[in-house]
Structure formats: C-alpha cells, structure tokens
Amino acid sequence: MRRPTLDDVAERAGVSRTLVSLTLRGLAGASEETTRTIVQAASDLGYVPDAAARNLARKSSQSIGVMLNDMHNPFFADVVGGLQSRLLDSGYHILMGVGEGLRLERSVLDTFLSYRMEGAVLIGPEVREREIESLGRAMATVIIGRRVRTDAVDVIVSDDHKGAMLAVQHLFDLGHRDIAHLDGASIPGGGNARRRGYVDAMRRLGLEQHIRIAGGGFTLRHAADGVDELVRTQRPTALFAANDRVALGAMERLSELGLSTPGDVSIVGYDNTSIAAQRRVGLTSIDQPRVEIGELAATLLQERFAGRTDASRHVLTPKLVERDSTSTLETTR
C-alpha cells in the first residue's frame, strides 16, 4: 500500500498542504476546530511524518548517535542509561549502533554523518584518531574510555592505571603474591592502561617475578582461555581481570575445573557493573561511575550545542568495592 502523504491529509481535511504541515509541526495557523480536523485526518490515514525529509530541510535530526563496541557488556548499558536520563526532556533522541570491529565502526560513523546526527558519543572506539577527529569536526562528539589527542572532541576516561594498582594492592594486602592478570587486548582504550597498572604495581611491591599475563580480550571466551593458560603452569592464588565480564568468565571456568572463588582463587574485576553487585556473584571490582559518565557526556554535548568550542577533558578517579570474591591467602590455602 502507498504511504499516506501530506497531500492526502490535506485533501481529507479539506485544507491546504501548508496548513497541514504547520499544524502537525505544532505551529500556529489553524483554529482549534481545524486543528482537530487535521489531526483526526492524519490519524485516520495512518500518516507518519517523513523524518528524513524533515531533517534534511532543517539540517538537523535532533538525534544523538551512540556507538558501542560490545553490546553484551553491561558497563555500556549503564553509561547509555545515564546519557538518556539527562537528555530525556531535551528533545533529543538516542540512536545506537554497534561497531564490533573496525569495518563496522566505520560503517556506524558513516551512518551518523549521513543521518545528520546532532552529536555523537563513542564508547571505547577502536577507529584511528584521525577518523575520530573528522567526526568531531562535523558534529559535537564525546569519546568515552579512550584518550585521544585531538581537540575536536571531548573526552571522558577513568584513571585505569590507578584502578589496576588499587586491585593489585588489595590482593597484596590480603596476603597474595602470585597475582596474575587476565588481559583485555592491545586495542585503544582502558585495557592497555590496566595492563600497565598491573605491571607497575607488581614491580613496586617487589613481585616482578610473579608477573603473568594471559587472555587477550573482553569476552567470556577470552577469560576461559586465559584461565586455562595460567593453570597449565602454576595456578595463581589471585586474578585481576580486565573487566567484570572477564572476571565472571574466569569464575565460571575455575568452577568447571573444580576450583572455587575465593576458596582457591581470589578475583578482582573492573567496572563494578550491576552484575558484580548481584548477591550470587559478589564480585570485588574497581568502580567507575557508569551512570555519571553518561550524564557527564550529555552535559558536554549540550555545552557544545550552546556554543562551546574548546575541548573538555575529564579523568575520573576509580575506587575499589570489596565483596565476596576476594579473601585472605590464609583462608584460601
């Protein structure tokens, strides 16, 4: 069936096409009775405004594009929740794209540009910095979870190096010395800083001979492979995982191998997602203020819309939240 048009609504209501357009956009021009007639005609016909044409005419979509690189990570959901709550009454809509890999990320960014997004929030992007800069020159852009040098975008990151050192120090204070790290992968973002923080903390504590890094990604599969790699040589007494999802994957794999947490291996995650706080999980984790990060991203976008041109950089301080997945070495052995 042919999609109803403004002309169809105008013919049914017995008024001009221009008056229909003004009325359905909430602008003055029609009496109350005529307005009711136009609205009823549009409803009867099932007329839906052509958003693409409207956006083209006003050169704005009133939409914010959000790109995630992993739709399964609860950290991202919490950040988007904070962003949405702050934008709820602003008239802007959030459209999300998932860019798992460079090809998909570039496709998502091209879509944001072609749909004339008002702004963009990229969470953990892997694309080259010059591509990020190009997007920032075209629209207000906030980068979350990755440090970039360009002044064309605003940046929100956590001090992941410090967070990793907090995790290692916590395990050290519990008596652990054989502390291994389940790595997040050598891609731009927090994984590199967390790895460096782990290594620096181990060296500072005189544990350089115990440094062991396994895994290489942020998925459950990477976690399982990392655990298998570690236990093939000598099982560590504690693990620091690159994020909560990796930590949970490690707990699952250890359980499959007949090992318990923290009975045999203490584990610290990263992000302090909602899953970590669940009673059956009880994961000790490094907290990032996920909802607040989303709210801050919304504020930065709104400042850009209002005319701010200078870049804004925010480095948030992480903290450790202790739960049941870590315990003293005396009780684990």
Protein backbone atom coordinates (compact mmCIF):
# COMPACT_ATOMS: atom_id res chain seq x y z
CA MET A 1 0.00 0.00 0.00
CA ARG A 2 1.14 3.55 -0.74
CA ARG A 3 2.30 5.52 2.26
CA PRO A 4 -0.06 8.46 3.08
CA THR A 5 1.38 11.90 2.35
CA LEU A 6 0.74 15.48 3.50
CA ASP A 7 -1.33 15.96 0.36
CA ASP A 8 -3.58 13.05 1.34
CA VAL A 9 -4.12 14.53 4.81
CA ALA A 10 -4.83 17.96 3.31
CA GLU A 11 -7.39 16.53 0.87
CA ARG A 12 -9.16 14.56 3.61
CA ALA A 13 -9.25 17.56 5.97
CA GLY A 14 -10.23 19.98 3.21
CA VAL A 15 -7.39 22.40 3.88
CA SER A 16 -4.09 23.36 2.24
CA ARG A 17 -0.95 21.26 2.40
CA THR A 18 0.90 24.16 4.04
CA LEU A 19 -1.65 24.41 6.84
CA VAL A 20 -1.37 20.67 7.48
CA SER A 21 2.41 20.94 7.65
CA LEU A 22 2.30 23.86 10.09
CA THR A 23 -0.33 22.22 12.29
CA LEU A 24 1.39 18.83 12.56
CA ARG A 25 4.63 20.60 13.49
CA GLY A 26 2.82 22.35 16.34
CA LEU A 27 2.98 25.80 14.76
CA ALA A 28 0.25 28.43 14.74
CA GLY A 29 -2.04 28.92 11.77
CA ALA A 30 -5.17 26.83 12.28
CA SER A 31 -8.16 27.27 14.57
CA GLU A 32 -8.81 24.71 17.29
CA GLU A 33 -11.57 23.11 15.23
CA THR A 34 -9.42 22.92 12.10
CA THR A 35 -6.53 21.55 14.15
CA ARG A 36 -8.77 18.74 15.44
CA THR A 37 -9.91 18.02 11.88
CA ILE A 38 -6.33 17.82 10.61
CA VAL A 39 -5.15 15.62 13.48
CA GLN A 40 -8.11 13.29 13.01
CA ALA A 41 -7.48 13.07 9.26
CA ALA A 42 -3.83 12.20 9.87
CA SER A 43 -4.86 9.55 12.39
CA ASP A 44 -7.48 8.04 10.09
CA LEU A 45 -4.99 7.75 7.25
CA GLY A 46 -2.17 6.49 9.44
CA TYR A 47 0.06 9.36 8.36
CA VAL A 48 3.59 9.34 9.78
CA PRO A 49 5.86 12.38 9.17
CA ASP A 50 8.87 11.71 6.97
CA ALA A 51 11.69 12.26 9.47
CA ALA A 52 14.41 12.09 6.83
CA ALA A 53 12.82 14.85 4.76
CA ARG A 54 12.21 16.98 7.84
CA ASN A 55 15.80 16.57 8.97
CA LEU A 56 17.07 17.46 5.51
CA ALA A 57 15.00 20.64 5.49
CA ARG A 58 16.17 21.88 8.87
CA LYS A 59 19.66 20.34 8.57
CA SER A 60 19.32 18.64 11.95
CA SER A 61 17.98 15.32 13.19
CA GLN A 62 17.58 16.18 16.90
CA SER A 63 19.29 12.82 17.40
CA ILE A 64 22.40 11.71 19.24
CA GLY A 65 24.28 8.75 17.79
CA VAL A 66 25.81 6.37 20.34
CA MET A 67 28.34 3.77 19.22
CA LEU A 68 29.20 0.75 21.37
CA ASN A 69 31.86 -1.80 20.54
CA ASP A 70 30.25 -4.58 22.57
CA MET A 71 26.50 -4.84 23.14
CA HIS A 72 26.96 -7.60 25.73
CA ASN A 73 28.97 -5.51 28.20
CA PRO A 74 26.69 -4.18 30.98
CA PHE A 75 29.07 -1.25 31.52
CA PHE A 76 27.90 0.25 28.23
CA ALA A 77 24.23 -0.16 29.13
CA ASP A 78 24.73 1.78 32.37
CA VAL A 79 26.54 4.60 30.56
CA VAL A 80 23.78 4.88 27.95
CA GLY A 81 21.21 4.88 30.75
CA GLY A 82 22.87 7.92 32.31
CA LEU A 83 23.08 9.66 28.95
CA GLN A 84 19.42 9.02 28.20
CA SER A 85 18.22 10.17 31.61
CA ARG A 86 19.96 13.54 31.18
CA LEU A 87 18.66 14.01 27.62
CA LEU A 88 15.12 12.79 28.38
CA ASP A 89 13.49 16.21 28.48
CA SER A 90 15.78 17.91 25.97
CA GLY A 91 14.00 16.84 22.80
CA TYR A 92 16.93 14.76 21.58
CA HIS A 93 16.63 11.10 20.66
CA ILE A 94 19.31 8.42 21.06
CA LEU A 95 20.08 6.09 18.17
CA MET A 96 22.59 3.32 18.85
CA GLY A 97 24.96 1.47 16.59
CA VAL A 98 27.19 -1.47 17.45
CA GLY A 99 30.64 -1.43 15.89
CA GLU A 100 32.28 -4.77 16.68
CA GLY A 101 35.48 -4.35 14.68
CA LEU A 102 36.92 -1.55 12.58
CA ARG A 103 34.78 -2.18 9.50
CA LEU A 104 31.53 -1.99 11.44
CA GLU A 105 32.71 1.01 13.45
CA ARG A 106 33.43 2.94 10.27
CA SER A 107 30.04 1.96 8.90
CA VAL A 108 28.33 3.27 12.06
CA LEU A 109 30.21 6.58 11.86
CA ASP A 110 29.26 6.96 8.20
CA THR A 111 25.63 6.37 9.19
CA PHE A 112 25.82 9.06 11.87
CA LEU A 113 27.09 11.51 9.27
CA SER A 114 24.55 10.58 6.60
CA TYR A 115 21.64 10.89 9.04
CA ARG A 116 22.85 14.34 10.12
CA MET A 117 23.16 13.46 13.80
CA GLU A 118 23.35 16.48 16.06
CA GLY A 119 26.03 14.82 18.16
CA ALA A 120 27.78 11.53 18.83
CA VAL A 121 29.03 9.55 21.82
CA LEU A 122 31.61 6.87 21.06
CA ILE A 123 32.22 4.36 23.87
CA GLY A 124 35.52 2.55 23.59
CA PRO A 125 36.10 3.23 19.86
CA GLU A 126 38.90 1.46 18.01
CA VAL A 127 38.99 3.56 14.82
CA ARG A 128 42.01 5.72 14.10
CA GLU A 129 42.29 9.06 15.80
CA ARG A 130 42.10 10.96 12.52
CA GLU A 131 38.69 9.36 11.90
CA ILE A 132 37.55 10.45 15.34
CA GLU A 133 38.83 13.95 14.62
CA SER A 134 36.92 14.08 11.32
CA LEU A 135 33.70 13.18 13.11
CA GLY A 136 34.38 15.80 15.78
CA ARG A 137 34.80 18.47 13.10
CA ALA A 138 31.38 17.53 11.69
CA MET A 139 29.38 17.28 14.92
CA ALA A 140 29.64 17.56 18.70
CA THR A 141 31.41 14.37 19.80
CA VAL A 142 32.26 12.80 23.17
CA ILE A 143 34.72 9.92 23.47
CA ILE A 144 34.35 7.64 26.50
CA GLY A 145 37.04 5.24 27.66
CA ARG A 146 39.84 6.24 25.30
CA ARG A 147 42.36 9.05 25.45
CA VAL A 148 42.78 10.98 22.20
CA ARG A 149 44.94 13.98 21.44
CA THR A 150 42.66 15.87 19.08
CA ASP A 151 40.91 18.99 20.37
CA ALA A 152 37.94 18.36 18.08
CA VAL A 153 36.21 16.12 20.64
CA ASP A 154 35.53 15.95 24.37
CA VAL A 155 36.93 13.02 26.34
CA ILE A 156 35.85 11.15 29.48
CA VAL A 157 38.17 8.48 30.83
CA SER A 158 38.83 6.76 34.11
CA ASP A 159 42.32 6.61 35.61
CA ASP A 160 42.62 2.94 34.65
CA HIS A 161 46.29 2.77 35.59
CA LYS A 162 45.42 3.79 39.14
CA GLY A 163 42.44 1.42 39.19
CA ALA A 164 44.65 -1.53 38.29
CA MET A 165 47.12 -0.59 41.01
CA LEU A 166 44.25 -0.48 43.52
CA ALA A 167 43.26 -4.01 42.51
CA VAL A 168 46.77 -5.41 42.91
CA GLN A 169 47.31 -3.58 46.20
CA HIS A 170 44.06 -5.01 47.56
CA LEU A 171 45.13 -8.56 46.73
CA PHE A 172 48.60 -7.92 48.14
CA ASP A 173 47.11 -6.66 51.40
CA LEU A 174 45.17 -9.93 51.63
CA GLY A 175 48.46 -11.84 51.54
CA HIS A 176 48.53 -12.78 47.85
CA ARG A 177 51.80 -12.68 45.96
CA ASP A 178 51.15 -14.93 42.95
CA ILE A 179 48.77 -12.47 41.28
CA ALA A 180 48.07 -12.89 37.55
CA HIS A 181 46.30 -10.58 35.12
CA LEU A 182 43.62 -11.53 32.60
CA ASP A 183 44.33 -9.01 29.87
CA GLY A 184 41.82 -7.00 27.87
CA ALA A 185 43.67 -6.88 24.50
CA SER A 186 46.01 -4.46 22.79
CA ILE A 187 43.38 -2.12 21.38
CA PRO A 188 42.98 1.60 22.11
CA GLY A 189 41.24 2.11 25.42
CA GLY A 190 41.37 1.07 29.05
CA GLY A 191 42.87 -2.39 28.52
CA ASN A 192 46.36 -1.06 27.89
CA ALA A 193 46.34 1.22 30.93
CA ARG A 194 45.01 -1.57 33.17
CA ARG A 195 47.79 -3.88 32.00
CA ARG A 196 50.42 -1.23 32.66
CA GLY A 197 48.94 -0.53 36.07
CA TYR A 198 49.09 -4.23 36.96
CA VAL A 199 52.74 -4.50 35.88
CA ASP A 200 53.76 -1.29 37.66
CA ALA A 201 52.02 -2.33 40.89
CA MET A 202 53.64 -5.76 40.87
CA ARG A 203 57.07 -4.20 40.36
CA ARG A 204 56.51 -1.59 43.04
CA LEU A 205 55.52 -4.32 45.51
CA GLY A 206 58.61 -6.39 44.70
CA LEU A 207 56.60 -9.06 42.87
CA GLU A 208 58.17 -8.75 39.43
CA GLN A 209 58.97 -12.48 39.35
CA HIS A 210 55.25 -13.25 39.72
CA ILE A 211 54.07 -11.12 36.78
CA ARG A 212 51.91 -13.25 34.47
CA ILE A 213 49.54 -12.00 31.82
CA ALA A 214 47.08 -14.23 29.96
CA GLY A 215 43.92 -13.88 27.92
CA GLY A 216 43.69 -11.04 25.46
CA GLY A 217 40.11 -9.80 25.14
CA PHE A 218 36.97 -8.73 26.95
CA THR A 219 34.77 -11.80 26.35
CA LEU A 220 33.91 -14.92 28.34
CA ARG A 221 35.87 -16.99 25.84
CA HIS A 222 38.99 -14.89 26.36
CA ALA A 223 38.57 -15.36 30.11
CA ALA A 224 38.30 -19.14 29.84
CA ASP A 225 41.33 -19.34 27.55
CA GLY A 226 43.31 -17.14 29.94
CA VAL A 227 42.47 -19.33 32.94
CA ASP A 228 43.45 -22.48 31.02
CA GLU A 229 46.76 -20.89 30.06
CA LEU A 230 47.54 -19.96 33.66
CA VAL A 231 46.62 -23.26 35.34
CA ARG A 232 48.66 -25.26 32.82
CA THR A 233 51.81 -23.94 34.50
CA GLN A 234 51.12 -22.90 38.09
CA ARG A 235 47.75 -21.84 39.39
CA PRO A 236 47.87 -18.29 40.78
CA THR A 237 46.27 -17.53 44.12
CA ALA A 238 44.61 -14.40 42.74
CA LEU A 239 43.49 -12.85 39.46
CA PHE A 240 42.96 -9.28 38.38
CA ALA A 241 40.60 -9.25 35.38
CA ALA A 242 40.41 -6.52 32.74
CA ASN A 243 36.66 -6.09 33.32
CA ASP A 244 33.77 -7.68 35.18
CA ARG A 245 32.75 -9.83 32.25
CA VAL A 246 36.21 -11.37 32.08
CA ALA A 247 36.14 -11.87 35.85
CA LEU A 248 32.82 -13.70 35.64
CA GLY A 249 34.15 -15.85 32.80
CA ALA A 250 37.15 -16.73 34.94
CA MET A 251 34.90 -17.70 37.85
CA GLU A 252 32.90 -19.97 35.55
CA ARG A 253 35.97 -21.65 34.10
CA LEU A 254 37.55 -22.17 37.52
CA SER A 255 34.32 -23.78 38.69
CA GLU A 256 34.38 -26.13 35.68
CA LEU A 257 37.90 -27.10 36.71
CA GLY A 258 36.72 -27.87 40.23
CA LEU A 259 38.14 -24.69 41.75
CA SER A 260 36.23 -22.14 43.79
CA THR A 261 36.26 -18.38 44.21
CA PRO A 262 37.65 -17.18 46.56
CA GLY A 263 38.36 -20.57 48.15
CA ASP A 264 41.06 -21.42 45.61
CA VAL A 265 41.49 -18.22 43.61
CA SER A 266 40.54 -14.67 44.60
CA ILE A 267 39.32 -12.46 41.74
CA VAL A 268 39.03 -8.70 41.23
CA GLY A 269 37.08 -7.33 38.25
CA TYR A 270 36.85 -3.88 36.73
CA ASP A 271 33.88 -1.51 36.10
CA ASN A 272 31.71 -2.53 39.09
CA THR A 273 28.75 -3.24 36.82
CA SER A 274 25.31 -4.16 38.10
CA ILE A 275 26.18 -7.84 37.64
CA ALA A 276 29.11 -7.55 40.05
CA ALA A 277 26.78 -6.42 42.83
CA GLN A 278 24.39 -9.35 42.49
CA ARG A 279 24.32 -11.43 45.65
CA ARG A 280 25.17 -14.72 43.93
CA VAL A 281 28.15 -13.11 42.22
CA GLY A 282 29.56 -10.81 44.90
CA LEU A 283 32.45 -9.66 42.73
CA THR A 284 35.09 -7.37 44.16
CA SER A 285 35.57 -4.76 41.45
CA ILE A 286 37.10 -1.42 40.57
CA ASP A 287 34.26 1.07 40.34
CA GLN A 288 33.75 3.52 37.53
CA PRO A 289 30.75 5.85 37.99
CA ARG A 290 28.97 4.48 34.92
CA VAL A 291 25.69 6.40 35.13
CA GLU A 292 27.52 9.61 36.00
CA ILE A 293 29.76 9.13 32.96
CA GLY A 294 26.67 9.03 30.75
CA GLU A 295 25.23 12.11 32.43
CA LEU A 296 28.51 13.97 32.00
CA ALA A 297 28.59 13.04 28.31
CA ALA A 298 25.11 14.55 27.88
CA THR A 299 26.23 17.74 29.65
CA LEU A 300 29.28 18.05 27.39
CA LEU A 301 27.12 17.65 24.28
CA GLN A 302 24.69 20.30 25.49
CA GLU A 303 27.59 22.68 26.16
CA ARG A 304 28.80 22.13 22.59
CA PHE A 305 25.29 22.79 21.25
CA ALA A 306 25.28 26.03 23.24
CA GLY A 307 28.46 27.21 21.54
CA ARG A 308 31.45 25.90 23.49
CA THR A 309 34.35 25.24 21.10
CA ASP A 310 37.29 24.37 23.35
CA ALA A 311 37.91 20.70 24.17
CA SER A 312 36.95 19.36 27.59
CA ARG A 313 38.92 16.54 29.24
CA HIS A 314 37.73 14.58 32.28
CA VAL A 315 39.76 11.93 34.12
CA LEU A 316 37.66 10.19 36.77
CA THR A 317 39.11 8.58 39.88
CA PRO A 318 38.25 4.89 40.36
CA LYS A 319 37.76 3.17 43.70
CA LEU A 320 37.72 -0.41 44.88
CA VAL A 321 34.46 -2.02 46.02
CA GLU A 322 35.17 -5.12 48.09
CA ARG A 323 32.78 -8.07 48.00
CA ASP A 324 32.98 -11.85 48.42
CA SER A 325 35.25 -12.84 45.52
CA THR A 326 38.42 -11.97 47.41
CA SER A 327 39.72 -13.24 50.75
CA THR A 328 42.98 -13.59 52.65
CA LEU A 329 45.55 -16.10 51.48
CA GLU A 330 45.43 -17.88 54.85
CA THR A 331 41.80 -18.92 54.23
CA THR A 332 42.35 -19.79 50.57
CA ARG A 333 45.18 -22.26 51.25
